N, C-alpha and C. Protein backbone atom coordinates (compact mmCIF):
# COMPACT_ATOMS: atom_id res chain seq x y z
N UNK A 1 17.76 92.59 -124.07
CA UNK A 1 16.13 91.94 -124.28
C UNK A 1 16.39 90.65 -125.23
N UNK A 2 15.02 89.51 -125.24
CA UNK A 2 15.01 88.50 -125.94
C UNK A 2 13.40 88.50 -126.23
N UNK A 3 13.14 88.52 -127.41
CA UNK A 3 12.35 88.40 -128.13
C UNK A 3 11.76 87.28 -128.97
N UNK A 4 10.60 86.90 -128.13
CA UNK A 4 9.82 85.36 -128.72
C UNK A 4 9.25 85.07 -129.66
N UNK A 5 9.97 84.98 -130.90
CA UNK A 5 9.33 84.62 -131.86
C UNK A 5 8.37 83.09 -132.35
N UNK A 6 8.65 81.71 -132.23
CA UNK A 6 8.49 80.74 -132.42
C UNK A 6 7.89 80.56 -133.43
N UNK A 7 8.73 80.64 -134.65
CA UNK A 7 7.92 81.11 -135.70
C UNK A 7 8.58 79.83 -136.88
N UNK A 8 8.21 79.16 -137.82
CA UNK A 8 8.98 77.99 -138.71
C UNK A 8 10.00 78.47 -139.56
N UNK A 9 11.13 78.12 -139.33
CA UNK A 9 12.53 78.25 -140.20
C UNK A 9 12.64 77.48 -141.01
N UNK A 10 13.48 77.53 -142.02
CA UNK A 10 14.26 76.80 -143.10
C UNK A 10 15.85 76.49 -142.57
N UNK A 11 16.79 74.99 -141.95
CA UNK A 11 17.76 75.86 -141.52
C UNK A 11 18.85 73.73 -142.19
N UNK A 12 19.82 74.64 -142.48
CA UNK A 12 21.13 73.53 -142.86
C UNK A 12 21.79 73.07 -142.19
N UNK A 13 21.85 71.56 -141.78
CA UNK A 13 22.70 71.17 -141.13
C UNK A 13 23.55 70.51 -141.48
N UNK A 14 25.04 70.42 -140.55
CA UNK A 14 26.43 69.90 -141.39
C UNK A 14 26.05 68.94 -139.77
N UNK A 15 26.07 67.72 -140.22
CA UNK A 15 26.76 66.92 -138.79
C UNK A 15 25.89 67.06 -137.73
N UNK A 16 24.52 67.71 -137.76
CA UNK A 16 23.59 67.78 -136.51
C UNK A 16 23.69 69.03 -136.35
N UNK A 17 24.57 70.01 -136.98
CA UNK A 17 24.69 71.39 -135.83
C UNK A 17 23.96 72.14 -137.17
N UNK A 18 23.60 72.94 -136.84
CA UNK A 18 23.17 74.15 -137.34
C UNK A 18 24.20 74.93 -138.63
N UNK A 19 23.94 75.22 -139.40
CA UNK A 19 25.29 75.92 -140.38
C UNK A 19 24.50 77.41 -141.27
N UNK A 20 23.16 77.10 -141.33
CA UNK A 20 22.91 78.10 -141.65
C UNK A 20 21.06 78.10 -141.54
N UNK A 21 20.62 79.37 -141.60
CA UNK A 21 19.29 78.98 -141.33
C UNK A 21 17.79 80.32 -142.37
N UNK A 22 16.82 80.32 -142.46
CA UNK A 22 16.56 81.00 -143.49
C UNK A 22 15.67 81.63 -142.98
N UNK A 23 15.03 83.71 -142.20
CA UNK A 23 13.94 83.76 -141.22
C UNK A 23 13.52 85.00 -142.32
N UNK A 24 12.46 85.44 -142.72
CA UNK A 24 11.87 86.22 -143.45
C UNK A 24 12.65 86.52 -144.72
N UNK A 25 12.86 85.62 -145.65
CA UNK A 25 13.60 85.46 -146.95
C UNK A 25 14.97 85.78 -146.65
N UNK A 26 15.64 85.97 -144.80
CA UNK A 26 16.66 86.59 -145.63
C UNK A 26 17.77 84.82 -144.46
N UNK A 27 19.18 84.79 -145.23
CA UNK A 27 19.82 83.46 -145.30
C UNK A 27 20.73 84.29 -144.00
N UNK A 28 20.82 83.62 -142.96
CA UNK A 28 21.61 83.49 -141.63
C UNK A 28 22.49 83.46 -141.15
N UNK A 29 24.11 83.10 -141.57
CA UNK A 29 24.98 82.14 -141.61
C UNK A 29 25.52 82.18 -139.95
N UNK A 30 25.28 80.83 -139.51
CA UNK A 30 25.92 80.62 -138.52
C UNK A 30 27.58 80.45 -138.10
N UNK A 31 27.63 81.49 -136.79
CA UNK A 31 29.06 82.67 -136.90
C UNK A 31 29.34 81.03 -135.53
N UNK A 32 29.04 81.10 -134.45
CA UNK A 32 29.38 80.31 -133.63
C UNK A 32 28.13 80.14 -133.03
N UNK A 33 28.67 78.86 -132.26
CA UNK A 33 27.34 77.79 -131.23
C UNK A 33 27.70 78.01 -130.07
N UNK A 34 26.79 78.72 -128.89
CA UNK A 34 26.88 79.36 -128.04
C UNK A 34 26.47 78.45 -126.73
N UNK A 35 25.25 77.84 -127.46
CA UNK A 35 24.86 76.76 -126.32
C UNK A 35 24.23 75.78 -126.64
N UNK A 36 23.99 74.83 -126.33
CA UNK A 36 23.12 73.41 -127.42
C UNK A 36 22.37 72.65 -125.87
N UNK A 37 21.27 72.25 -125.79
CA UNK A 37 20.73 71.49 -124.75
C UNK A 37 19.90 70.67 -125.39
N UNK A 38 18.93 69.71 -125.18
CA UNK A 38 18.19 68.62 -125.48
C UNK A 38 17.22 68.53 -124.41
N UNK A 39 15.75 68.53 -124.38
CA UNK A 39 15.01 68.29 -123.56
C UNK A 39 14.56 67.08 -124.18
N UNK A 40 13.79 66.21 -122.64
CA UNK A 40 13.26 64.95 -123.62
C UNK A 40 12.05 64.78 -122.33
N UNK A 41 10.70 64.65 -123.21
CA UNK A 41 9.38 64.62 -122.33
C UNK A 41 8.61 63.39 -122.42
N UNK A 42 8.50 62.81 -121.03
CA UNK A 42 7.69 61.48 -121.25
C UNK A 42 6.32 61.74 -121.05
N UNK A 43 5.44 63.06 -120.90
CA UNK A 43 4.29 63.39 -121.20
C UNK A 43 3.70 63.08 -123.02
N UNK A 44 4.54 63.55 -123.82
CA UNK A 44 4.55 63.79 -125.18
C UNK A 44 4.36 62.10 -125.63
N UNK A 45 5.04 61.62 -125.45
CA UNK A 45 5.14 60.04 -125.92
C UNK A 45 3.94 59.29 -125.69
N UNK A 46 2.93 59.85 -125.26
CA UNK A 46 1.83 59.16 -124.72
C UNK A 46 1.40 57.38 -124.72
N UNK A 47 2.68 57.02 -123.86
CA UNK A 47 2.43 55.47 -123.92
C UNK A 47 4.34 54.76 -124.69
N UNK A 48 4.28 56.19 -125.25
CA UNK A 48 5.93 55.15 -126.05
C UNK A 48 6.96 55.07 -125.07
N UNK A 49 7.51 54.69 -124.67
CA UNK A 49 8.44 54.57 -123.80
C UNK A 49 9.83 54.24 -124.53
N UNK A 50 10.00 53.45 -125.64
CA UNK A 50 10.89 53.09 -126.34
C UNK A 50 11.61 54.51 -127.29
N UNK A 51 10.72 55.34 -127.33
CA UNK A 51 11.02 56.36 -128.45
C UNK A 51 9.91 57.92 -127.97
N UNK A 52 11.49 58.38 -127.06
CA UNK A 52 10.90 59.33 -126.61
C UNK A 52 11.39 61.11 -127.48
N UNK A 53 10.00 61.93 -127.58
CA UNK A 53 10.63 62.46 -128.18
C UNK A 53 11.20 63.81 -127.85
N UNK A 54 11.95 64.47 -128.13
CA UNK A 54 12.90 65.67 -128.04
C UNK A 54 12.71 66.99 -128.68
N UNK A 55 13.06 67.41 -127.75
CA UNK A 55 13.20 69.01 -128.38
C UNK A 55 15.06 69.42 -128.11
N UNK A 56 15.45 69.86 -129.38
CA UNK A 56 16.78 70.43 -129.60
C UNK A 56 16.75 71.60 -129.87
N UNK A 57 17.67 71.99 -128.73
CA UNK A 57 18.01 74.02 -128.92
C UNK A 57 19.18 74.27 -129.23
N UNK A 58 19.63 74.91 -129.74
CA UNK A 58 20.73 75.83 -130.28
C UNK A 58 20.95 77.21 -130.17
N UNK A 59 21.67 77.77 -129.49
CA UNK A 59 21.90 79.43 -129.03
C UNK A 59 22.91 79.82 -130.11
N UNK A 60 22.87 80.70 -130.90
CA UNK A 60 23.87 80.61 -131.81
C UNK A 60 24.24 82.32 -132.47
N UNK A 61 25.43 82.28 -132.83
CA UNK A 61 25.53 83.94 -133.28
C UNK A 61 25.46 83.49 -134.32
N UNK A 62 24.55 84.18 -135.31
CA UNK A 62 24.79 84.48 -136.62
C UNK A 62 24.34 86.17 -137.17
N UNK A 63 24.45 86.01 -138.81
CA UNK A 63 24.78 87.09 -139.55
C UNK A 63 23.98 87.18 -141.06
N UNK A 64 23.28 87.78 -141.70
CA UNK A 64 22.51 88.22 -142.85
C UNK A 64 23.38 89.39 -143.30
N UNK A 65 25.27 89.55 -143.03
CA UNK A 65 25.52 90.75 -143.82
C UNK A 65 25.54 91.43 -142.88
N UNK A 66 24.57 91.79 -142.06
CA UNK A 66 24.85 92.91 -140.70
C UNK A 66 25.36 92.71 -139.60
N UNK A 67 25.33 93.48 -139.15
CA UNK A 67 26.14 92.43 -137.40
C UNK A 67 25.70 91.31 -137.03
N UNK A 68 26.52 90.64 -136.09
CA UNK A 68 25.99 89.57 -136.11
C UNK A 68 25.12 89.92 -134.89
N UNK A 69 23.92 88.57 -134.37
CA UNK A 69 22.50 88.46 -133.63
C UNK A 69 22.67 87.06 -132.67
N UNK A 70 22.39 87.09 -131.22
CA UNK A 70 22.16 85.62 -130.73
C UNK A 70 20.67 85.64 -131.34
N UNK A 71 20.40 84.13 -131.45
CA UNK A 71 19.42 84.09 -131.92
C UNK A 71 19.16 82.06 -131.00
N UNK A 72 17.85 81.90 -130.88
CA UNK A 72 17.90 80.36 -130.49
C UNK A 72 16.88 79.33 -131.14
N UNK A 73 17.15 78.44 -131.56
CA UNK A 73 16.96 77.88 -132.73
C UNK A 73 16.43 76.26 -132.20
N UNK A 74 14.93 75.66 -132.26
CA UNK A 74 15.21 74.80 -131.70
C UNK A 74 14.09 73.77 -132.88
N UNK A 75 14.93 72.36 -132.47
CA UNK A 75 14.06 71.41 -133.52
C UNK A 75 13.39 70.43 -132.59
N UNK A 76 11.88 69.89 -133.27
CA UNK A 76 11.38 68.98 -132.51
C UNK A 76 11.48 67.63 -133.70
N UNK A 77 11.79 66.62 -132.91
CA UNK A 77 12.24 65.33 -133.28
C UNK A 77 11.04 64.54 -134.16
N UNK A 78 9.41 64.88 -133.43
CA UNK A 78 8.67 64.23 -134.12
C UNK A 78 7.86 65.02 -135.35
N UNK A 79 7.97 66.27 -135.20
CA UNK A 79 7.42 66.84 -136.37
C UNK A 79 9.11 67.22 -137.45
N UNK A 80 9.83 67.02 -137.17
CA UNK A 80 11.08 67.65 -137.64
C UNK A 80 11.19 69.12 -137.89
N UNK A 81 10.27 69.81 -137.39
CA UNK A 81 10.47 71.28 -137.74
C UNK A 81 11.18 71.73 -137.31
N UNK A 82 12.22 72.75 -137.48
CA UNK A 82 12.59 74.20 -136.72
C UNK A 82 11.91 75.39 -136.71
N UNK A 83 11.92 76.02 -135.86
CA UNK A 83 11.80 77.36 -135.13
C UNK A 83 12.76 78.25 -134.93
N UNK A 84 12.30 79.54 -135.16
CA UNK A 84 12.99 80.57 -134.23
C UNK A 84 12.27 80.97 -133.11
N UNK A 85 12.96 80.15 -132.08
CA UNK A 85 12.14 80.69 -130.50
C UNK A 85 12.81 81.93 -130.33
N UNK A 86 13.57 82.28 -130.00
CA UNK A 86 13.84 83.51 -129.55
C UNK A 86 15.32 84.52 -130.46
N UNK A 87 15.26 85.93 -130.18
CA UNK A 87 15.94 86.53 -130.78
C UNK A 87 16.50 88.01 -129.53
N UNK A 88 17.98 87.84 -129.40
CA UNK A 88 18.27 88.76 -128.58
C UNK A 88 18.88 90.37 -129.60
N UNK A 89 18.52 91.33 -128.95
CA UNK A 89 18.97 92.36 -129.42
C UNK A 89 20.49 92.90 -128.65
């Protein structure tokens, strides 16, 4: 079962891929990237067709010293903000 969070997180990237993230003062190391996709929305652009805002999603297996879990991370190109979108138990 997935839980939806939508909370801001800090992400360390390498070559555009998440390597580690911090959530609730705990550091999670990405062990494996399960899936990756990008969504583009023309209605976000408010007429700016030369630069469409996008959201990049990463479904990863990560751990923080305990057993690994599956996490969905989201990056918003306009704000530069990372969110923890979902967690699977």
